[in-house]
Protein backbone atom coordinates (compact mmCIF):
# COMPACT_ATOMS: atom_id res chain seq x y z
CA MET A 1 28.09 8.75 10.00
CA LEU A 2 27.75 11.28 7.57
CA ASN A 3 28.76 8.88 4.65
CA HIS A 4 25.68 6.59 5.96
CA VAL A 5 23.34 9.18 5.72
CA LEU A 6 24.67 10.28 2.14
CA PHE A 7 24.29 6.54 0.56
CA PHE A 8 20.63 5.88 2.44
CA VAL A 9 19.53 9.32 0.80
CA LEU A 10 20.76 8.32 -2.88
CA GLY A 11 19.33 4.85 -1.90
CA LEU A 12 16.24 6.44 -1.89
CA VAL A 13 16.55 8.55 -4.96
CA ALA A 14 17.26 6.14 -6.72
CA LEU A 15 14.80 3.61 -5.59
CA VAL A 16 12.16 6.43 -6.46
CA ALA A 17 13.95 7.38 -9.68
CA GLY A 18 14.27 3.55 -10.96
CA ALA A 19 10.37 2.78 -10.11
CA GLU A 20 9.60 5.91 -12.43
CA ALA A 21 11.83 4.85 -14.70
CA LEU A 22 10.56 1.38 -15.05
CA VAL A 23 6.87 2.18 -15.23
CA ARG A 24 7.29 4.86 -17.45
CA GLY A 25 8.85 2.17 -19.82
CA ALA A 26 7.31 -0.55 -19.40
CA SER A 27 4.05 1.55 -19.70
CA LYS A 28 4.85 2.98 -22.73
CA ILE A 29 5.78 -0.59 -24.65
CA ALA A 30 2.59 -2.37 -23.32
CA LEU A 31 0.27 0.77 -24.78
CA SER A 32 2.11 0.25 -27.62
CA LEU A 33 1.42 -3.32 -28.15
CA GLY A 34 -2.21 -2.46 -28.03
CA VAL A 35 -2.80 -3.16 -23.92
CA SER A 36 -5.75 -0.84 -23.11
CA SER A 37 -4.66 2.05 -20.15
CA LEU A 38 -7.12 0.55 -18.00
CA VAL A 39 -5.49 -2.72 -18.19
CA VAL A 40 -1.77 -0.77 -17.81
CA GLY A 41 -3.03 1.52 -14.66
CA LEU A 42 -4.12 -1.83 -12.77
CA THR A 43 -0.76 -3.83 -13.32
CA ILE A 44 2.23 -2.36 -14.66
CA VAL A 45 1.70 1.15 -12.94
CA ALA A 46 0.20 -0.47 -9.57
CA PHE A 47 2.52 -2.58 -9.18
CA GLY A 48 5.29 -0.38 -9.64
CA THR A 49 4.70 1.50 -7.07
CA SER A 50 5.85 -1.12 -5.11
CA ALA A 51 9.01 -1.64 -6.74
CA PRO A 52 11.28 -0.20 -4.20
CA GLU A 53 9.45 -2.50 -1.82
CA VAL A 54 10.07 -5.88 -3.82
CA ALA A 55 13.98 -4.93 -4.55
CA VAL A 56 14.59 -3.89 -0.80
CA SER A 57 13.06 -7.09 0.28
CA VAL A 58 14.78 -9.54 -2.24
CA GLY A 59 18.25 -7.58 -0.70
CA ALA A 60 16.86 -7.78 2.78
CA ALA A 61 15.95 -11.60 2.35
CA LEU A 62 19.33 -12.33 0.86
CA GLN A 63 20.81 -11.06 4.48
CA GLY A 64 18.26 -12.67 6.52
CA ASN A 65 15.57 -9.77 7.55
CA SER A 66 11.94 -10.26 6.71
CA ASP A 67 10.72 -7.53 8.33
CA ILE A 68 10.34 -4.66 5.55
CA VAL A 69 6.69 -5.72 4.05
CA VAL A 70 5.42 -5.84 7.35
CA GLY A 71 6.52 -2.57 8.21
CA SER A 72 5.46 -1.02 5.07
CA ASN A 73 2.31 -2.01 5.16
CA ILE A 74 1.32 -0.40 8.72
CA PHE A 75 3.29 2.91 7.21
CA ASN A 76 0.94 2.98 4.36
CA VAL A 77 -2.49 2.88 6.03
CA LEU A 78 -1.36 5.03 9.51
CA PHE A 79 0.79 7.24 7.81
CA ILE A 80 -0.24 7.79 4.07
CA LEU A 81 -3.98 8.11 4.52
CA GLY A 82 -3.52 9.78 7.65
CA ALA A 83 -1.26 12.61 6.04
CA SER A 84 -3.47 12.30 2.62
CA ALA A 85 -6.94 12.90 4.90
CA LEU A 86 -5.63 16.37 6.78
CA ILE A 87 -5.29 17.54 3.32
CA ALA A 88 -8.21 16.61 2.21
CA PRO A 89 -11.23 14.14 3.77
CA LEU A 90 -10.77 10.62 1.22
CA VAL A 91 -13.18 9.42 -0.28
CA VAL A 92 -13.76 5.52 -0.05
CA HIS A 93 -15.30 4.15 -3.65
CA SER A 94 -18.09 1.70 -2.45
CA GLN A 95 -15.58 -1.24 -4.40
CA LEU A 96 -12.95 -0.79 -2.21
CA ILE A 97 -15.27 -1.72 0.89
CA ARG A 98 -16.83 -5.18 -1.12
CA GLN A 99 -13.73 -5.77 -2.73
CA GLU A 100 -10.32 -4.79 -2.24
CA VAL A 101 -10.30 -4.03 1.79
CA PRO A 102 -11.75 -7.92 2.10
CA ILE A 103 -9.02 -9.15 -0.59
CA MET A 104 -6.30 -7.02 1.47
CA ILE A 105 -7.51 -8.40 5.11
CA GLY A 106 -7.51 -11.63 3.55
CA ALA A 107 -3.90 -11.72 2.29
CA SER A 108 -3.00 -10.34 5.83
CA LEU A 109 -4.25 -13.38 7.50
CA LEU A 110 -3.16 -15.77 5.03
CA LEU A 111 0.31 -14.16 5.82
CA LEU A 112 -0.06 -14.90 9.21
CA VAL A 113 -1.41 -18.85 9.09
CA VAL A 114 1.58 -19.58 6.67
CA VAL A 115 4.38 -18.13 8.70
CA LEU A 116 2.98 -19.66 12.41
CA ASP A 117 6.05 -21.79 12.17
CA GLY A 118 8.28 -18.62 12.32
CA THR A 119 9.34 -19.23 8.40
CA LEU A 120 8.05 -18.28 4.89
CA GLY A 121 8.58 -21.08 3.17
CA ARG A 122 9.28 -21.81 -0.92
CA ALA A 123 5.85 -23.62 -1.02
CA ASP A 124 4.42 -20.69 0.95
CA ALA A 125 5.91 -18.13 -1.00
CA GLY A 126 4.71 -19.69 -4.01
CA LEU A 127 1.28 -19.96 -3.18
CA LEU A 128 1.67 -16.09 -2.59
CA LEU A 129 2.88 -15.28 -5.94
CA ALA A 130 -0.04 -17.86 -7.66
CA LEU A 131 -2.34 -15.88 -5.72
CA LEU A 132 -1.40 -12.55 -7.09
CA ILE A 133 -1.21 -13.71 -10.39
CA GLY A 134 -4.87 -14.92 -10.20
CA TYR A 135 -5.80 -11.82 -8.53
CA THR A 136 -4.30 -9.40 -11.79
CA VAL A 137 -6.02 -11.59 -14.33
CA PHE A 138 -8.98 -11.14 -12.26
CA LEU A 139 -8.58 -7.29 -12.13
CA ILE A 140 -8.13 -7.37 -16.00
CA ARG A 141 -11.13 -9.39 -16.59
CA GLN A 142 -13.15 -7.14 -14.33
CA SER A 143 -11.79 -3.72 -16.12
CA ARG A 144 -13.27 -5.28 -19.51
CA ALA A 145 -16.70 -4.47 -18.07
CA GLU A 146 -15.68 -1.17 -16.77
CA THR A 147 -17.61 1.94 -18.00
CA LYS A 148 -16.53 4.46 -20.59
CA GLU A 149 -16.16 7.00 -17.82
CA ILE A 150 -13.58 5.08 -16.06
CA ARG A 151 -11.79 3.88 -18.89
CA ASP A 152 -11.66 7.76 -19.79
CA GLU A 153 -10.42 8.14 -16.56
CA TYR A 154 -7.47 5.88 -16.72
CA ASP A 155 -6.61 7.55 -20.23
CA SER A 156 -6.02 10.59 -18.79
CA GLY A 157 -3.86 9.34 -16.27
CA VAL A 158 -1.60 6.83 -18.20
CA ARG A 159 -1.45 8.16 -21.43
CA ARG A 160 0.83 10.79 -22.16
CA PRO A 161 1.62 12.88 -24.85
CA ALA A 162 4.55 11.61 -27.47
CA GLY A 163 7.91 12.62 -26.48
CA TRP A 164 11.53 11.89 -25.91
CA ASP A 165 10.63 8.53 -25.16
CA SER A 166 8.33 7.50 -27.85
CA HIS A 167 11.11 5.19 -29.55
CA TRP A 168 10.78 1.39 -28.59
CA ALA A 169 14.56 1.70 -27.72
CA VAL A 170 14.35 4.47 -25.15
CA GLN A 171 11.68 2.49 -23.71
CA VAL A 172 13.91 -0.73 -23.37
CA LEU A 173 16.17 1.63 -22.12
CA LEU A 174 14.26 2.71 -19.35
CA ILE A 175 13.57 -0.64 -18.07
CA ALA A 176 16.65 -1.67 -17.75
CA VAL A 177 17.97 1.25 -16.11
CA GLY A 178 14.76 1.42 -13.95
CA LEU A 179 16.04 -2.05 -12.95
CA GLY A 180 19.43 -1.06 -12.53
CA LEU A 181 18.61 1.84 -10.44
CA LEU A 182 16.14 -0.23 -7.92
CA VAL A 183 18.61 -2.78 -7.40
CA LEU A 184 21.73 -0.28 -6.67
CA GLY A 185 19.26 1.91 -4.70
CA SER A 186 17.78 -1.18 -2.45
CA ASN A 187 22.09 -2.02 -1.59
CA TRP A 188 22.58 1.28 -0.60
CA LEU A 189 19.74 1.58 1.61
CA VAL A 190 19.77 -2.19 3.10
CA ASP A 191 23.66 -1.20 3.70
CA ALA A 192 23.09 2.23 4.98
CA SER A 193 20.55 0.90 7.42
CA VAL A 194 22.41 -1.54 9.15
CA ALA A 195 25.09 0.89 10.36
CA PHE A 196 22.86 3.18 11.13
CA ALA A 197 21.15 0.42 13.74
CA ARG A 198 24.59 -0.47 15.02
CA ALA A 199 25.66 3.49 15.43
CA LEU A 200 22.41 3.93 17.38
CA GLY A 201 22.38 1.00 19.53
CA VAL A 202 19.07 -0.65 18.07
CA SER A 203 18.19 -3.90 16.26
CA ASP A 204 17.94 -3.83 12.30
CA LEU A 205 14.40 -5.24 12.69
CA VAL A 206 13.63 -1.64 14.20
CA ILE A 207 15.33 0.29 11.51
CA GLY A 208 13.55 -1.97 8.88
CA LEU A 209 10.00 -1.44 10.44
CA THR A 210 10.60 2.20 10.79
CA ILE A 211 12.93 3.93 8.22
CA ILE A 212 13.22 1.77 5.44
CA ALA A 213 9.67 0.60 5.60
CA ALA A 214 8.82 4.59 5.26
CA GLY A 215 11.32 5.34 2.27
CA THR A 216 10.40 2.36 -0.18
CA SER A 217 7.04 3.49 0.52
CA MET A 218 7.79 7.02 -0.66
CA PRO A 219 5.99 6.58 -4.05
CA GLU A 220 3.04 5.89 -2.15
CA VAL A 221 3.35 8.95 -0.55
CA ALA A 222 3.49 11.11 -4.04
CA THR A 223 0.81 9.24 -5.55
CA SER A 224 -1.47 9.62 -2.45
CA VAL A 225 -0.80 12.94 -1.59
CA MET A 226 -0.83 14.52 -5.13
CA ALA A 227 -4.27 12.78 -5.54
CA ALA A 228 -5.34 14.14 -2.60
CA ILE A 229 -4.36 17.69 -3.21
CA ARG A 230 -5.76 17.55 -6.93
CA GLY A 231 -9.24 16.04 -5.93
CA ALA A 232 -8.43 12.42 -6.83
CA ARG A 233 -9.45 11.70 -3.37
CA ASP A 234 -10.84 7.84 -4.22
CA ILE A 235 -7.60 7.46 -5.87
CA ALA A 236 -5.56 8.07 -2.44
CA VAL A 237 -7.26 4.92 -0.40
CA GLY A 238 -7.37 2.84 -3.52
CA ASN A 239 -3.26 3.23 -3.81
CA VAL A 240 -2.56 2.59 -0.40
CA ILE A 241 -5.07 -0.89 -0.14
CA GLY A 242 -3.79 -2.05 -3.45
CA SER A 243 -0.13 -1.54 -2.65
CA ASN A 244 -0.80 -3.48 0.55
CA THR A 245 -2.28 -6.12 -1.11
CA PHE A 246 0.87 -6.42 -3.54
CA ASN A 247 3.36 -5.97 -1.07
CA ILE A 248 2.23 -9.50 0.66
CA LEU A 249 1.29 -11.42 -2.26
CA GLY A 250 4.37 -9.99 -4.32
CA CYS A 251 7.29 -8.42 -2.18
CA LEU A 252 7.10 -11.66 0.39
CA GLY A 253 6.40 -14.14 -2.49
CA VAL A 254 9.23 -12.72 -4.66
CA SER A 255 11.73 -12.68 -1.27
CA GLY A 256 10.41 -16.01 -0.17
CA LEU A 257 11.57 -17.90 -3.36
CA VAL A 258 15.20 -15.92 -3.91
CA SER A 259 15.93 -17.16 -0.09
CA GLY A 260 17.86 -20.09 0.12
CA GLN A 261 16.07 -21.98 2.71
CA GLY A 262 13.23 -20.23 3.50
CA LEU A 263 12.20 -16.33 4.85
CA ALA A 264 12.51 -16.78 8.87
CA ILE A 265 10.68 -14.28 10.63
CA ALA A 266 11.73 -12.68 13.66
CA PRO A 267 10.12 -13.90 16.90
CA ALA A 268 9.90 -9.55 17.76
CA VAL A 269 7.32 -9.54 14.49
CA MET A 270 5.61 -12.57 15.06
CA ASN A 271 4.42 -11.80 18.58
CA PHE A 272 3.76 -8.11 17.70
CA ASP A 273 4.18 -6.16 14.53
CA ILE A 274 2.48 -8.94 12.12
CA TRP A 275 -0.61 -8.50 14.49
CA VAL A 276 -0.62 -4.66 14.19
CA MET A 277 -0.29 -5.37 10.67
CA LEU A 278 -3.83 -7.24 10.54
CA ALA A 279 -5.74 -4.84 13.17
CA VAL A 280 -4.45 -1.91 10.85
CA ALA A 281 -6.03 -3.98 8.13
CA ILE A 282 -9.16 -5.16 10.04
CA ALA A 283 -9.83 -1.58 11.22
CA CYS A 284 -10.24 -0.31 7.89
CA LEU A 285 -13.39 -1.66 7.09
CA PRO A 286 -15.43 -0.14 10.16
CA VAL A 287 -13.31 2.86 9.11
CA PHE A 288 -14.51 2.73 5.23
CA VAL A 289 -17.98 1.76 5.81
CA ALA A 290 -18.93 4.67 8.28
CA GLY A 291 -19.66 7.66 6.03
CA ARG A 292 -17.52 5.91 3.30
CA GLU A 293 -14.95 9.03 4.09
CA ILE A 294 -11.82 9.73 5.89
CA GLY A 295 -12.47 12.38 7.35
CA ARG A 296 -9.38 14.96 8.82
CA GLY A 297 -10.14 13.45 12.75
CA LYS A 298 -10.08 9.84 11.25
CA GLY A 299 -6.43 11.11 9.64
CA LEU A 300 -5.29 12.52 12.47
CA LEU A 301 -6.13 9.38 14.78
CA PHE A 302 -4.34 7.21 12.04
CA LEU A 303 -1.14 9.33 12.82
CA ALA A 304 -1.52 9.70 16.28
CA TYR A 305 -1.49 5.52 15.89
CA TYR A 306 1.47 5.28 13.82
CA VAL A 307 3.59 7.47 15.92
CA ALA A 308 1.99 5.56 19.26
CA TYR A 309 3.58 2.31 17.34
CA VAL A 310 6.81 3.73 16.30
CA ALA A 311 7.40 4.60 20.13
CA TYR A 312 6.73 1.58 21.62
CA LEU A 313 9.18 0.33 18.88
CA VAL A 314 11.75 2.87 19.82
CA LEU A 315 10.70 2.27 23.66
CA ASP A 316 11.12 -1.73 23.55
CA ALA A 317 14.56 -1.85 21.53
CA ARG A 318 15.97 0.56 24.18
CA GLY A 319 14.86 -1.47 27.15
CA HIS A 320 13.31 2.27 28.81
CA ASP A 321 11.80 2.06 31.79
CA LEU A 322 8.50 3.88 30.31
CA LEU A 323 7.65 0.81 28.42
CA PRO A 324 5.54 -1.02 30.84
CA LYS A 325 3.39 2.46 31.87
CA PHE A 326 3.06 2.97 28.07
CA SER A 327 2.02 -0.98 26.75
CA ALA A 328 -0.52 -0.31 30.22
CA ILE A 329 -2.13 2.91 29.01
CA MET A 330 -2.39 1.55 25.14
CA LEU A 331 -3.89 -2.05 26.03
CA GLY A 332 -6.05 -0.70 28.94
CA PHE A 333 -7.44 2.59 27.66
CA VAL A 334 -6.51 3.65 24.55
CA LEU A 335 -7.20 0.30 22.27
CA PRO A 336 -10.42 -0.58 24.18
CA ILE A 337 -11.60 2.93 23.23
CA THR A 338 -11.17 2.90 19.77
CA ILE A 339 -12.56 -0.86 19.59
CA VAL A 340 -15.92 0.73 21.30
CA THR A 341 -15.42 3.60 18.88
CA LEU A 342 -15.33 1.23 16.26
CA VAL A 343 -18.10 -0.80 16.79
CA ALA A 344 -20.17 2.49 17.44
CA MET A 345 -19.97 3.87 14.14
CA LEU A 346 -20.75 0.60 12.57
CA ILE A 347 -23.78 0.41 14.64
CA ARG A 348 -24.48 3.97 13.55
CA HIS A 349 -23.96 3.57 9.99
CA GLN A 350 -26.47 0.24 10.16
CA SER A 351 -28.83 2.26 12.02
CA SER A 352 -29.07 5.04 9.77
CA ASN A 353 -28.70 2.80 6.27
CA PRO A 354 -31.32 0.19 7.33
CA PRO A 355 -31.52 -3.10 4.92
CA THR A 356 -34.31 -2.69 2.45
CA ASP A 357 -37.17 -5.38 1.82
CA ALA A 358 -36.49 -7.12 -1.61
CA GLY A 359 -40.57 -7.43 -2.04
């Protein structure tokens, strides 16, 4: 068992280090070729934080598993935003409400539609990847109209002083090492998680939805928490929303293409987890709109819901006697109160911000 724990930890370390090396090398090469810092930030850096999910999802797909992205998206919103909001209230940029959150919700709805038959086929995966490419092109075109202030912000975040990695050969080596670490780390993580599932007497599905999903989201955790600590509170939110969109379009797109006969979606995921992911995505809209801030109270609520979600998975996996009572409380009391609260927040926001007449 200790041997599996060691390989699990080493796998996480390799994934995070691999993502960092890949982003560093690719960013340096792109900047040296004249690509703007803003474009690099919107593409290479943003997608790089999801590199662990891609690596592990592809590895899991080759073994017939497909649950990691769903668990990761739930973890990103409920745990990462919840924990970040406890550090400092998070600011929600208006563009997130108008554009990025609706795109994330749209991607979640599209995923639900294409997997209704229980399989993500190669054609479906190709569609997801095509949409990702279109989305990336749209972001790049949109970036050309950004203000100098935003461009300077990306410059300070992306550009680094010349150092040991300034030579192109070192940058290529960083990319190669990063890719190698991602492959190695994903293999260690997936193998160790399967061993955990067998030792704990739970399914691979539960491990994938919880431990692996949380582990592969470590880059997002580090980015959002550090952004909250440094006062860049809008970046903490944008990082999570962008990552969730990429997880669906990119991770599942690549995984579906490399899988031999399509990516099978577990019945348990279709019946429960994918609906939780969609509900969490939709709930972001009223939460973000109300006050355009995620305060500590909302952050605590997010964390409480994540604990409840994991508790349900564990109780269900073990067939515990408390499961019926737990489900009844969540469905009959907690969920209705949450829905009423979200609707009340929207109504209060609308009444305090009445629309102005054009004339």
